[in-house]
Amino acid sequence: MSGGANPARGEASVRIAGETLVLRPSFAALVAAEQELGPLFALVERAADGRLGLGEMAGLFWHCLRERPAGLTREAFGEGLAAGGLAAATPALRVLLGQILAGR
């Protein structure tokens, strides 16, 4: 994967199976996430209330991947996210939720 996360673009990174993946909350990515997960403001509210599910976080991250490594499946991505722990994924989630609220 080329290049790291660019904070000026609202990007964040997450490590999955030893590889750093960049998440970019582009308009197209957020529309795809919203189609799967429902309204993004409701997702932000659930996260603020501590009710965001792992599957929802994995779905948001999956749609926001800037590039998907060859052979990475959604199932493997979710497993890697869970294996890395919620604490490790929280900073990236915080960035994405902030971008949803603030826009860029």
PDB file of N, CA and C in Angstrom:
ATOM      1  N   MET A   1       0.856  -1.171   0.000  1.00  0.00           N
ATOM      2  CA  MET A   1       0.000   0.000   0.000  1.00  0.00           C
ATOM      3  C   MET A   1       0.892   1.221   0.000  1.00  0.00           C
ATOM      4  N   SER A   2       0.597   2.167  -0.851  1.00  0.00           N
ATOM      5  CA  SER A   2       1.452   3.337  -0.978  1.00  0.00           C
ATOM      6  C   SER A   2       0.970   4.470  -0.090  1.00  0.00           C
ATOM      7  N   GLY A   3       1.918   5.065   0.636  1.00  0.00           N
ATOM      8  CA  GLY A   3       1.619   6.247   1.427  1.00  0.00           C
ATOM      9  C   GLY A   3       0.820   5.955   2.683  1.00  0.00           C
ATOM     10  N   GLY A   4       0.978   6.837   3.657  1.00  0.00           N
ATOM     11  CA  GLY A   4       0.236   6.716   4.903  1.00  0.00           C
ATOM     12  C   GLY A   4      -1.007   7.580   4.876  1.00  0.00           C
ATOM     13  N   ALA A   5      -1.670   7.627   6.019  1.00  0.00           N
ATOM     14  CA  ALA A   5      -2.889   8.422   6.141  1.00  0.00           C
ATOM     15  C   ALA A   5      -2.546   9.907   6.068  1.00  0.00           C
ATOM     16  N   ASN A   6      -3.377  10.668   5.394  1.00  0.00           N
ATOM     17  CA  ASN A   6      -3.212  12.111   5.255  1.00  0.00           C
ATOM     18  C   ASN A   6      -4.292  12.788   6.100  1.00  0.00           C
ATOM     19  N   PRO A   7      -3.927  13.300   7.273  1.00  0.00           N
ATOM     20  CA  PRO A   7      -4.925  13.932   8.144  1.00  0.00           C
ATOM     21  C   PRO A   7      -5.638  15.111   7.481  1.00  0.00           C
ATOM     22  N   ALA A   8      -4.977  15.804   6.555  1.00  0.00           N
ATOM     23  CA  ALA A   8      -5.611  16.932   5.860  1.00  0.00           C
ATOM     24  C   ALA A   8      -6.801  16.472   5.016  1.00  0.00           C
ATOM     25  N   ARG A   9      -6.821  15.209   4.645  1.00  0.00           N
ATOM     26  CA  ARG A   9      -7.939  14.636   3.888  1.00  0.00           C
ATOM     27  C   ARG A   9      -8.925  13.912   4.790  1.00  0.00           C
ATOM     28  N   GLY A  10      -8.690  13.961   6.083  1.00  0.00           N
ATOM     29  CA  GLY A  10      -9.572  13.273   7.022  1.00  0.00           C
ATOM     30  C   GLY A  10      -9.315  11.789   7.089  1.00  0.00           C
ATOM     31  N   GLU A  11      -8.136  11.368   6.634  1.00  0.00           N
ATOM     32  CA  GLU A  11      -7.810   9.946   6.624  1.00  0.00           C
ATOM     33  C   GLU A  11      -7.317   9.476   7.987  1.00  0.00           C
ATOM     34  N   ALA A  12      -7.452   8.193   8.208  1.00  0.00           N
ATOM     35  CA  ALA A  12      -6.961   7.538   9.416  1.00  0.00           C
ATOM     36  C   ALA A  12      -6.361   6.207   8.988  1.00  0.00           C
ATOM     37  N   SER A  13      -5.641   5.576   9.883  1.00  0.00           N
ATOM     38  CA  SER A  13      -5.095   4.265   9.540  1.00  0.00           C
ATOM     39  C   SER A  13      -5.450   3.263  10.627  1.00  0.00           C
ATOM     40  N   VAL A  14      -5.470   2.016  10.213  1.00  0.00           N
ATOM     41  CA  VAL A  14      -5.761   0.908  11.113  1.00  0.00           C
ATOM     42  C   VAL A  14      -4.868  -0.253  10.695  1.00  0.00           C
ATOM     43  N   ARG A  15      -4.374  -1.008  11.688  1.00  0.00           N
ATOM     44  CA  ARG A  15      -3.532  -2.162  11.379  1.00  0.00           C
ATOM     45  C   ARG A  15      -4.379  -3.424  11.385  1.00  0.00           C
ATOM     46  N   ILE A  16      -4.279  -4.155  10.294  1.00  0.00           N
ATOM     47  CA  ILE A  16      -4.994  -5.418  10.131  1.00  0.00           C
ATOM     48  C   ILE A  16      -3.975  -6.466   9.706  1.00  0.00           C
ATOM     49  N   ALA A  17      -3.845  -7.497  10.503  1.00  0.00           N
ATOM     50  CA  ALA A  17      -2.933  -8.607  10.201  1.00  0.00           C
ATOM     51  C   ALA A  17      -1.527  -8.102   9.879  1.00  0.00           C
ATOM     52  N   GLY A  18      -1.054  -7.132  10.661  1.00  0.00           N
ATOM     53  CA  GLY A  18       0.300  -6.632  10.485  1.00  0.00           C
ATOM     54  C   GLY A  18       0.483  -5.614   9.386  1.00  0.00           C
ATOM     55  N   GLU A  19      -0.575  -5.261   8.695  1.00  0.00           N
ATOM     56  CA  GLU A  19      -0.488  -4.292   7.597  1.00  0.00           C
ATOM     57  C   GLU A  19      -1.274  -3.035   7.954  1.00  0.00           C
ATOM     58  N   THR A  20      -0.689  -1.882   7.680  1.00  0.00           N
ATOM     59  CA  THR A  20      -1.366  -0.617   7.921  1.00  0.00           C
ATOM     60  C   THR A  20      -2.228  -0.272   6.722  1.00  0.00           C
ATOM     61  N   LEU A  21      -3.522  -0.135   6.962  1.00  0.00           N
ATOM     62  CA  LEU A  21      -4.473   0.206   5.909  1.00  0.00           C
ATOM     63  C   LEU A  21      -5.001   1.612   6.162  1.00  0.00           C
ATOM     64  N   VAL A  22      -5.173   2.365   5.096  1.00  0.00           N
ATOM     65  CA  VAL A  22      -5.632   3.745   5.200  1.00  0.00           C
ATOM     66  C   VAL A  22      -7.129   3.810   4.935  1.00  0.00           C
ATOM     67  N   LEU A  23      -7.812   4.542   5.791  1.00  0.00           N
ATOM     68  CA  LEU A  23      -9.249   4.760   5.671  1.00  0.00           C
ATOM     69  C   LEU A  23      -9.481   6.196   5.215  1.00  0.00           C
ATOM     70  N   ARG A  24     -10.224   6.353   4.133  1.00  0.00           N
ATOM     71  CA  ARG A  24     -10.544   7.679   3.605  1.00  0.00           C
ATOM     72  C   ARG A  24     -12.068   7.812   3.539  1.00  0.00           C
ATOM     73  N   PRO A  25     -12.643   8.709   4.323  1.00  0.00           N
ATOM     74  CA  PRO A  25     -14.102   8.867   4.318  1.00  0.00           C
ATOM     75  C   PRO A  25     -14.582   9.751   3.168  1.00  0.00           C
ATOM     76  N   SER A  26     -14.405   9.262   1.947  1.00  0.00           N
ATOM     77  CA  SER A  26     -14.858  10.011   0.769  1.00  0.00           C
ATOM     78  C   SER A  26     -16.389   9.993   0.712  1.00  0.00           C
ATOM     79  N   PHE A  27     -16.933  10.855  -0.103  1.00  0.00           N
ATOM     80  CA  PHE A  27     -18.387  10.892  -0.264  1.00  0.00           C
ATOM     81  C   PHE A  27     -18.916   9.530  -0.703  1.00  0.00           C
ATOM     82  N   ALA A  28     -18.273   8.943  -1.704  1.00  0.00           N
ATOM     83  CA  ALA A  28     -18.726   7.643  -2.215  1.00  0.00           C
ATOM     84  C   ALA A  28     -18.644   6.566  -1.133  1.00  0.00           C
ATOM     85  N   ALA A  29     -17.572   6.594  -0.348  1.00  0.00           N
ATOM     86  CA  ALA A  29     -17.418   5.602   0.724  1.00  0.00           C
ATOM     87  C   ALA A  29     -18.500   5.759   1.781  1.00  0.00           C
ATOM     88  N   LEU A  30     -18.801   7.005   2.141  1.00  0.00           N
ATOM     89  CA  LEU A  30     -19.814   7.234   3.177  1.00  0.00           C
ATOM     90  C   LEU A  30     -21.214   6.908   2.667  1.00  0.00           C
ATOM     91  N   VAL A  31     -21.476   7.152   1.393  1.00  0.00           N
ATOM     92  CA  VAL A  31     -22.775   6.783   0.818  1.00  0.00           C
ATOM     93  C   VAL A  31     -22.931   5.263   0.848  1.00  0.00           C
ATOM     94  N   ALA A  32     -21.880   4.540   0.474  1.00  0.00           N
ATOM     95  CA  ALA A  32     -21.934   3.070   0.498  1.00  0.00           C
ATOM     96  C   ALA A  32     -22.135   2.562   1.925  1.00  0.00           C
ATOM     97  N   ALA A  33     -21.430   3.166   2.877  1.00  0.00           N
ATOM     98  CA  ALA A  33     -21.587   2.765   4.278  1.00  0.00           C
ATOM     99  C   ALA A  33     -23.005   3.043   4.757  1.00  0.00           C
ATOM    100  N   GLU A  34     -23.539   4.190   4.387  1.00  0.00           N
ATOM    101  CA  GLU A  34     -24.891   4.548   4.811  1.00  0.00           C
ATOM    102  C   GLU A  34     -25.937   3.606   4.213  1.00  0.00           C
ATOM    103  N   GLN A  35     -25.727   3.183   2.975  1.00  0.00           N
ATOM    104  CA  GLN A  35     -26.659   2.243   2.348  1.00  0.00           C
ATOM    105  C   GLN A  35     -26.691   0.922   3.105  1.00  0.00           C
ATOM    106  N   GLU A  36     -25.553   0.520   3.638  1.00  0.00           N
ATOM    107  CA  GLU A  36     -25.494  -0.738   4.379  1.00  0.00           C
ATOM    108  C   GLU A  36     -25.910  -0.578   5.844  1.00  0.00           C
ATOM    109  N   LEU A  37     -25.440   0.490   6.480  1.00  0.00           N
ATOM    110  CA  LEU A  37     -25.571   0.621   7.938  1.00  0.00           C
ATOM    111  C   LEU A  37     -26.698   1.529   8.392  1.00  0.00           C
ATOM    112  N   GLY A  38     -27.321   2.230   7.481  1.00  0.00           N
ATOM    113  CA  GLY A  38     -28.366   3.174   7.850  1.00  0.00           C
ATOM    114  C   GLY A  38     -27.788   4.571   8.002  1.00  0.00           C
ATOM    115  N   PRO A  39     -28.610   5.513   8.407  1.00  0.00           N
ATOM    116  CA  PRO A  39     -28.178   6.909   8.502  1.00  0.00           C
ATOM    117  C   PRO A  39     -26.906   7.076   9.339  1.00  0.00           C
ATOM    118  N   LEU A  40     -25.976   7.850   8.806  1.00  0.00           N
ATOM    119  CA  LEU A  40     -24.696   8.022   9.485  1.00  0.00           C
ATOM    120  C   LEU A  40     -24.821   8.790  10.795  1.00  0.00           C
ATOM    121  N   PHE A  41     -25.760   9.725  10.876  1.00  0.00           N
ATOM    122  CA  PHE A  41     -25.926  10.439  12.140  1.00  0.00           C
ATOM    123  C   PHE A  41     -26.402   9.487  13.239  1.00  0.00           C
ATOM    124  N   ALA A  42     -27.232   8.521  12.891  1.00  0.00           N
ATOM    125  CA  ALA A  42     -27.662   7.520  13.868  1.00  0.00           C
ATOM    126  C   ALA A  42     -26.474   6.653  14.290  1.00  0.00           C
ATOM    127  N   LEU A  43     -25.594   6.354  13.355  1.00  0.00           N
ATOM    128  CA  LEU A  43     -24.393   5.584  13.665  1.00  0.00           C
ATOM    129  C   LEU A  43     -23.514   6.363  14.650  1.00  0.00           C
ATOM    130  N   VAL A  44     -23.354   7.663  14.409  1.00  0.00           N
ATOM    131  CA  VAL A  44     -22.571   8.505  15.312  1.00  0.00           C
ATOM    132  C   VAL A  44     -23.212   8.536  16.702  1.00  0.00           C
ATOM    133  N   GLU A  45     -24.527   8.638  16.745  1.00  0.00           N
ATOM    134  CA  GLU A  45     -25.225   8.647  18.043  1.00  0.00           C
ATOM    135  C   GLU A  45     -25.026   7.335  18.787  1.00  0.00           C
ATOM    136  N   ARG A  46     -25.104   6.207  18.064  1.00  0.00           N
ATOM    137  CA  ARG A  46     -24.872   4.914  18.710  1.00  0.00           C
ATOM    138  C   ARG A  46     -23.451   4.835  19.259  1.00  0.00           C
ATOM    139  N   ALA A  47     -22.501   5.333  18.485  1.00  0.00           N
ATOM    140  CA  ALA A  47     -21.110   5.320  18.941  1.00  0.00           C
ATOM    141  C   ALA A  47     -20.946   6.179  20.191  1.00  0.00           C
ATOM    142  N   ALA A  48     -21.569   7.351  20.198  1.00  0.00           N
ATOM    143  CA  ALA A  48     -21.475   8.242  21.357  1.00  0.00           C
ATOM    144  C   ALA A  48     -22.092   7.617  22.605  1.00  0.00           C
ATOM    145  N   ASP A  49     -23.116   6.795  22.399  1.00  0.00           N
ATOM    146  CA  ASP A  49     -23.789   6.129  23.519  1.00  0.00           C
ATOM    147  C   ASP A  49     -23.141   4.789  23.888  1.00  0.00           C
ATOM    148  N   GLY A  50     -22.051   4.429  23.195  1.00  0.00           N
ATOM    149  CA  GLY A  50     -21.393   3.155  23.464  1.00  0.00           C
ATOM    150  C   GLY A  50     -22.152   1.965  22.928  1.00  0.00           C
ATOM    151  N   ARG A  51     -22.994   2.185  21.914  1.00  0.00           N
ATOM    152  CA  ARG A  51     -23.826   1.108  21.367  1.00  0.00           C
ATOM    153  C   ARG A  51     -23.453   0.734  19.928  1.00  0.00           C
ATOM    154  N   LEU A  52     -22.281   1.154  19.473  1.00  0.00           N
ATOM    155  CA  LEU A  52     -21.855   0.820  18.114  1.00  0.00           C
ATOM    156  C   LEU A  52     -21.311  -0.599  18.116  1.00  0.00           C
ATOM    157  N   GLY A  53     -21.851  -1.439  17.265  1.00  0.00           N
ATOM    158  CA  GLY A  53     -21.423  -2.827  17.204  1.00  0.00           C
ATOM    159  C   GLY A  53     -20.153  -3.008  16.392  1.00  0.00           C
ATOM    160  N   LEU A  54     -19.439  -4.076  16.677  1.00  0.00           N
ATOM    161  CA  LEU A  54     -18.215  -4.388  15.952  1.00  0.00           C
ATOM    162  C   LEU A  54     -18.494  -4.535  14.453  1.00  0.00           C
ATOM    163  N   GLY A  55     -19.615  -5.162  14.116  1.00  0.00           N
ATOM    164  CA  GLY A  55     -19.966  -5.323  12.706  1.00  0.00           C
ATOM    165  C   GLY A  55     -20.193  -3.991  12.016  1.00  0.00           C
ATOM    166  N   GLU A  56     -20.779  -3.033  12.742  1.00  0.00           N
ATOM    167  CA  GLU A  56     -20.995  -1.702  12.172  1.00  0.00           C
ATOM    168  C   GLU A  56     -19.657  -0.990  11.950  1.00  0.00           C
ATOM    169  N   MET A  57     -18.764  -1.102  12.922  1.00  0.00           N
ATOM    170  CA  MET A  57     -17.455  -0.481  12.769  1.00  0.00           C
ATOM    171  C   MET A  57     -16.697  -1.111  11.602  1.00  0.00           C
ATOM    172  N   ALA A  58     -16.738  -2.426  11.520  1.00  0.00           N
ATOM    173  CA  ALA A  58     -16.059  -3.116  10.426  1.00  0.00           C
ATOM    174  C   ALA A  58     -16.653  -2.700   9.085  1.00  0.00           C
ATOM    175  N   GLY A  59     -17.984  -2.551   9.019  1.00  0.00           N
ATOM    176  CA  GLY A  59     -18.621  -2.123   7.778  1.00  0.00           C
ATOM    177  C   GLY A  59     -18.204  -0.721   7.377  1.00  0.00           C
ATOM    178  N   LEU A  60     -18.188   0.196   8.329  1.00  0.00           N
ATOM    179  CA  LEU A  60     -17.757   1.565   8.046  1.00  0.00           C
ATOM    180  C   LEU A  60     -16.313   1.575   7.557  1.00  0.00           C
ATOM    181  N   PHE A  61     -15.445   0.883   8.268  1.00  0.00           N
ATOM    182  CA  PHE A  61     -14.037   0.826   7.878  1.00  0.00           C
ATOM    183  C   PHE A  61     -13.883   0.198   6.491  1.00  0.00           C
ATOM    184  N   TRP A  62     -14.592  -0.882   6.229  1.00  0.00           N
ATOM    185  CA  TRP A  62     -14.480  -1.583   4.948  1.00  0.00           C
ATOM    186  C   TRP A  62     -14.816  -0.643   3.794  1.00  0.00           C
ATOM    187  N   HIS A  63     -15.890   0.093   3.931  1.00  0.00           N
ATOM    188  CA  HIS A  63     -16.287   1.001   2.854  1.00  0.00           C
ATOM    189  C   HIS A  63     -15.320   2.168   2.703  1.00  0.00           C
ATOM    190  N   CYS A  64     -14.632   2.538   3.789  1.00  0.00           N
ATOM    191  CA  CYS A  64     -13.710   3.675   3.754  1.00  0.00           C
ATOM    192  C   CYS A  64     -12.278   3.289   3.398  1.00  0.00           C
ATOM    193  N   LEU A  65     -12.009   2.022   3.162  1.00  0.00           N
ATOM    194  CA  LEU A  65     -10.642   1.636   2.785  1.00  0.00           C
ATOM    195  C   LEU A  65     -10.233   2.377   1.522  1.00  0.00           C
ATOM    196  N   ARG A  66      -9.094   3.058   1.605  1.00  0.00           N
ATOM    197  CA  ARG A  66      -8.603   3.787   0.433  1.00  0.00           C
ATOM    198  C   ARG A  66      -8.202   2.809  -0.668  1.00  0.00           C
ATOM    199  N   GLU A  67      -7.528   1.738  -0.268  1.00  0.00           N
ATOM    200  CA  GLU A  67      -7.139   0.666  -1.187  1.00  0.00           C
ATOM    201  C   GLU A  67      -7.325  -0.654  -0.455  1.00  0.00           C
ATOM    202  N   ARG A  68      -7.768  -1.650  -1.178  1.00  0.00           N
ATOM    203  CA  ARG A  68      -7.904  -2.986  -0.579  1.00  0.00           C
ATOM    204  C   ARG A  68      -6.782  -3.865  -1.092  1.00  0.00           C
ATOM    205  N   PRO A  69      -5.996  -4.419  -0.188  1.00  0.00           N
ATOM    206  CA  PRO A  69      -4.940  -5.329  -0.635  1.00  0.00           C
ATOM    207  C   PRO A  69      -5.544  -6.508  -1.402  1.00  0.00           C
ATOM    208  N   ALA A  70      -4.811  -6.961  -2.390  1.00  0.00           N
ATOM    209  CA  ALA A  70      -5.261  -8.103  -3.187  1.00  0.00           C
ATOM    210  C   ALA A  70      -5.530  -9.286  -2.266  1.00  0.00           C
ATOM    211  N   GLY A  71      -6.669  -9.899  -2.466  1.00  0.00           N
ATOM    212  CA  GLY A  71      -7.014 -11.088  -1.706  1.00  0.00           C
ATOM    213  C   GLY A  71      -7.655 -10.827  -0.351  1.00  0.00           C
ATOM    214  N   LEU A  72      -7.721  -9.571   0.081  1.00  0.00           N
ATOM    215  CA  LEU A  72      -8.354  -9.277   1.368  1.00  0.00           C
ATOM    216  C   LEU A  72      -9.867  -9.360   1.215  1.00  0.00           C
ATOM    217  N   THR A  73     -10.470 -10.257   1.965  1.00  0.00           N
ATOM    218  CA  THR A  73     -11.924 -10.384   1.948  1.00  0.00           C
ATOM    219  C   THR A  73     -12.500  -9.585   3.108  1.00  0.00           C
ATOM    220  N   ARG A  74     -13.770  -9.314   3.025  1.00  0.00           N
ATOM    221  CA  ARG A  74     -14.411  -8.590   4.108  1.00  0.00           C
ATOM    222  C   ARG A  74     -14.374  -9.408   5.400  1.00  0.00           C
ATOM    223  N   GLU A  75     -14.545 -10.708   5.278  1.00  0.00           N
ATOM    224  CA  GLU A  75     -14.495 -11.566   6.461  1.00  0.00           C
ATOM    225  C   GLU A  75     -13.120 -11.522   7.113  1.00  0.00           C
ATOM    226  N   ALA A  76     -12.069 -11.626   6.316  1.00  0.00           N
ATOM    227  CA  ALA A  76     -10.709 -11.563   6.851  1.00  0.00           C
ATOM    228  C   ALA A  76     -10.425 -10.188   7.452  1.00  0.00           C
ATOM    229  N   PHE A  77     -10.954  -9.151   6.822  1.00  0.00           N
ATOM    230  CA  PHE A  77     -10.790  -7.801   7.353  1.00  0.00           C
ATOM    231  C   PHE A  77     -11.437  -7.697   8.731  1.00  0.00           C
ATOM    232  N   GLY A  78     -12.669  -8.184   8.850  1.00  0.00           N
ATOM    233  CA  GLY A  78     -13.376  -8.147  10.125  1.00  0.00           C
ATOM    234  C   GLY A  78     -12.660  -8.962  11.196  1.00  0.00           C
ATOM    235  N   GLU A  79     -12.173 -10.131  10.826  1.00  0.00           N
ATOM    236  CA  GLU A  79     -11.434 -10.968  11.767  1.00  0.00           C
ATOM    237  C   GLU A  79     -10.162 -10.262  12.233  1.00  0.00           C
ATOM    238  N   GLY A  80      -9.477  -9.619  11.302  1.00  0.00           N
ATOM    239  CA  GLY A  80      -8.261  -8.897  11.651  1.00  0.00           C
ATOM    240  C   GLY A  80      -8.541  -7.709  12.555  1.00  0.00           C
ATOM    241  N   LEU A  81      -9.642  -7.044  12.310  1.00  0.00           N
ATOM    242  CA  LEU A  81     -10.046  -5.910  13.143  1.00  0.00           C
ATOM    243  C   LEU A  81     -10.334  -6.383  14.566  1.00  0.00           C
ATOM    244  N   ALA A  82     -11.078  -7.472  14.678  1.00  0.00           N
ATOM    245  CA  ALA A  82     -11.392  -8.027  15.999  1.00  0.00           C
ATOM    246  C   ALA A  82     -10.133  -8.521  16.705  1.00  0.00           C
ATOM    247  N   ALA A  83      -9.238  -9.154  15.967  1.00  0.00           N
ATOM    248  CA  ALA A  83      -8.001  -9.675  16.562  1.00  0.00           C
ATOM    249  C   ALA A  83      -7.111  -8.548  17.074  1.00  0.00           C
ATOM    250  N   GLY A  84      -7.150  -7.404  16.397  1.00  0.00           N
ATOM    251  CA  GLY A  84      -6.344  -6.270  16.816  1.00  0.00           C
ATOM    252  C   GLY A  84      -6.881  -5.573  18.051  1.00  0.00           C
ATOM    253  N   GLY A  85      -8.151  -5.792  18.353  1.00  0.00           N
ATOM    254  CA  GLY A  85      -8.767  -5.210  19.534  1.00  0.00           C
ATOM    255  C   GLY A  85      -9.434  -3.873  19.265  1.00  0.00           C
ATOM    256  N   LEU A  86     -10.486  -3.635  20.024  1.00  0.00           N
ATOM    257  CA  LEU A  86     -11.244  -2.392  19.867  1.00  0.00           C
ATOM    258  C   LEU A  86     -10.420  -1.167  20.237  1.00  0.00           C
ATOM    259  N   ALA A  87      -9.566  -1.290  21.228  1.00  0.00           N
ATOM    260  CA  ALA A  87      -8.757  -0.147  21.649  1.00  0.00           C
ATOM    261  C   ALA A  87      -7.856   0.334  20.515  1.00  0.00           C
ATOM    262  N   ALA A  88      -7.331  -0.595  19.734  1.00  0.00           N
ATOM    263  CA  ALA A  88      -6.451  -0.225  18.625  1.00  0.00           C
ATOM    264  C   ALA A  88      -7.226   0.435  17.483  1.00  0.00           C
ATOM    265  N   ALA A  89      -8.496   0.093  17.321  1.00  0.00           N
ATOM    266  CA  ALA A  89      -9.305   0.641  16.236  1.00  0.00           C
ATOM    267  C   ALA A  89      -9.994   1.949  16.604  1.00  0.00           C
ATOM    268  N   THR A  90     -10.073   2.240  17.896  1.00  0.00           N
ATOM    269  CA  THR A  90     -10.810   3.421  18.352  1.00  0.00           C
ATOM    270  C   THR A  90     -10.287   4.743  17.792  1.00  0.00           C
ATOM    271  N   PRO A  91      -8.967   4.971  17.722  1.00  0.00           N
ATOM    272  CA  PRO A  91      -8.518   6.248  17.148  1.00  0.00           C
ATOM    273  C   PRO A  91      -8.990   6.464  15.707  1.00  0.00           C
ATOM    274  N   ALA A  92      -8.955   5.418  14.894  1.00  0.00           N
ATOM    275  CA  ALA A  92      -9.431   5.540  13.513  1.00  0.00           C
ATOM    276  C   ALA A  92     -10.930   5.790  13.476  1.00  0.00           C
ATOM    277  N   LEU A  93     -11.665   5.109  14.339  1.00  0.00           N
ATOM    278  CA  LEU A  93     -13.111   5.318  14.414  1.00  0.00           C
ATOM    279  C   LEU A  93     -13.413   6.760  14.793  1.00  0.00           C
ATOM    280  N   ARG A  94     -12.685   7.281  15.749  1.00  0.00           N
ATOM    281  CA  ARG A  94     -12.882   8.661  16.194  1.00  0.00           C
ATOM    282  C   ARG A  94     -12.672   9.648  15.036  1.00  0.00           C
ATOM    283  N   VAL A  95     -11.636   9.411  14.222  1.00  0.00           N
ATOM    284  CA  VAL A  95     -11.375  10.283  13.084  1.00  0.00           C
ATOM    285  C   VAL A  95     -12.517  10.222  12.087  1.00  0.00           C
ATOM    286  N   LEU A  96     -12.964   9.007  11.752  1.00  0.00           N
ATOM    287  CA  LEU A  96     -14.050   8.870  10.782  1.00  0.00           C
ATOM    288  C   LEU A  96     -15.347   9.500  11.281  1.00  0.00           C
ATOM    289  N   LEU A  97     -15.674   9.276  12.536  1.00  0.00           N
ATOM    290  CA  LEU A  97     -16.897   9.862  13.089  1.00  0.00           C
ATOM    291  C   LEU A  97     -16.799  11.384  13.098  1.00  0.00           C
ATOM    292  N   GLY A  98     -15.631  11.910  13.394  1.00  0.00           N
ATOM    293  CA  GLY A  98     -15.425  13.355  13.343  1.00  0.00           C
ATOM    294  C   GLY A  98     -15.621  13.905  11.950  1.00  0.00           C
ATOM    295  N   GLN A  99     -15.159  13.160  10.947  1.00  0.00           N
ATOM    296  CA  GLN A  99     -15.338  13.599   9.561  1.00  0.00           C
ATOM    297  C   GLN A  99     -16.791  13.547   9.137  1.00  0.00           C
ATOM    298  N   ILE A 100     -17.515  12.556   9.614  1.00  0.00           N
ATOM    299  CA  ILE A 100     -18.939  12.465   9.303  1.00  0.00           C
ATOM    300  C   ILE A 100     -19.664  13.707   9.832  1.00  0.00           C
ATOM    301  N   LEU A 101     -19.307  14.116  11.035  1.00  0.00           N
ATOM    302  CA  LEU A 101     -19.962  15.264  11.645  1.00  0.00           C
ATOM    303  C   LEU A 101     -19.493  16.592  11.066  1.00  0.00           C
ATOM    304  N   ALA A 102     -18.196  16.708  10.796  1.00  0.00           N
ATOM    305  CA  ALA A 102     -17.637  17.996  10.363  1.00  0.00           C
ATOM    306  C   ALA A 102     -17.660  18.174   8.858  1.00  0.00           C
ATOM    307  N   GLY A 103     -17.499  17.081   8.121  1.00  0.00           N
ATOM    308  CA  GLY A 103     -17.383  17.178   6.671  1.00  0.00           C
ATOM    309  C   GLY A 103     -16.048  17.750   6.262  1.00  0.00           C
ATOM    310  N   ARG A 104     -15.702  17.528   5.045  1.00  0.00           N
ATOM    311  CA  ARG A 104     -14.465  18.071   4.461  1.00  0.00           C
ATOM    312  C   ARG A 104     -14.696  18.343   3.019  1.00  0.00           C
TER     313      ARG A 104
END
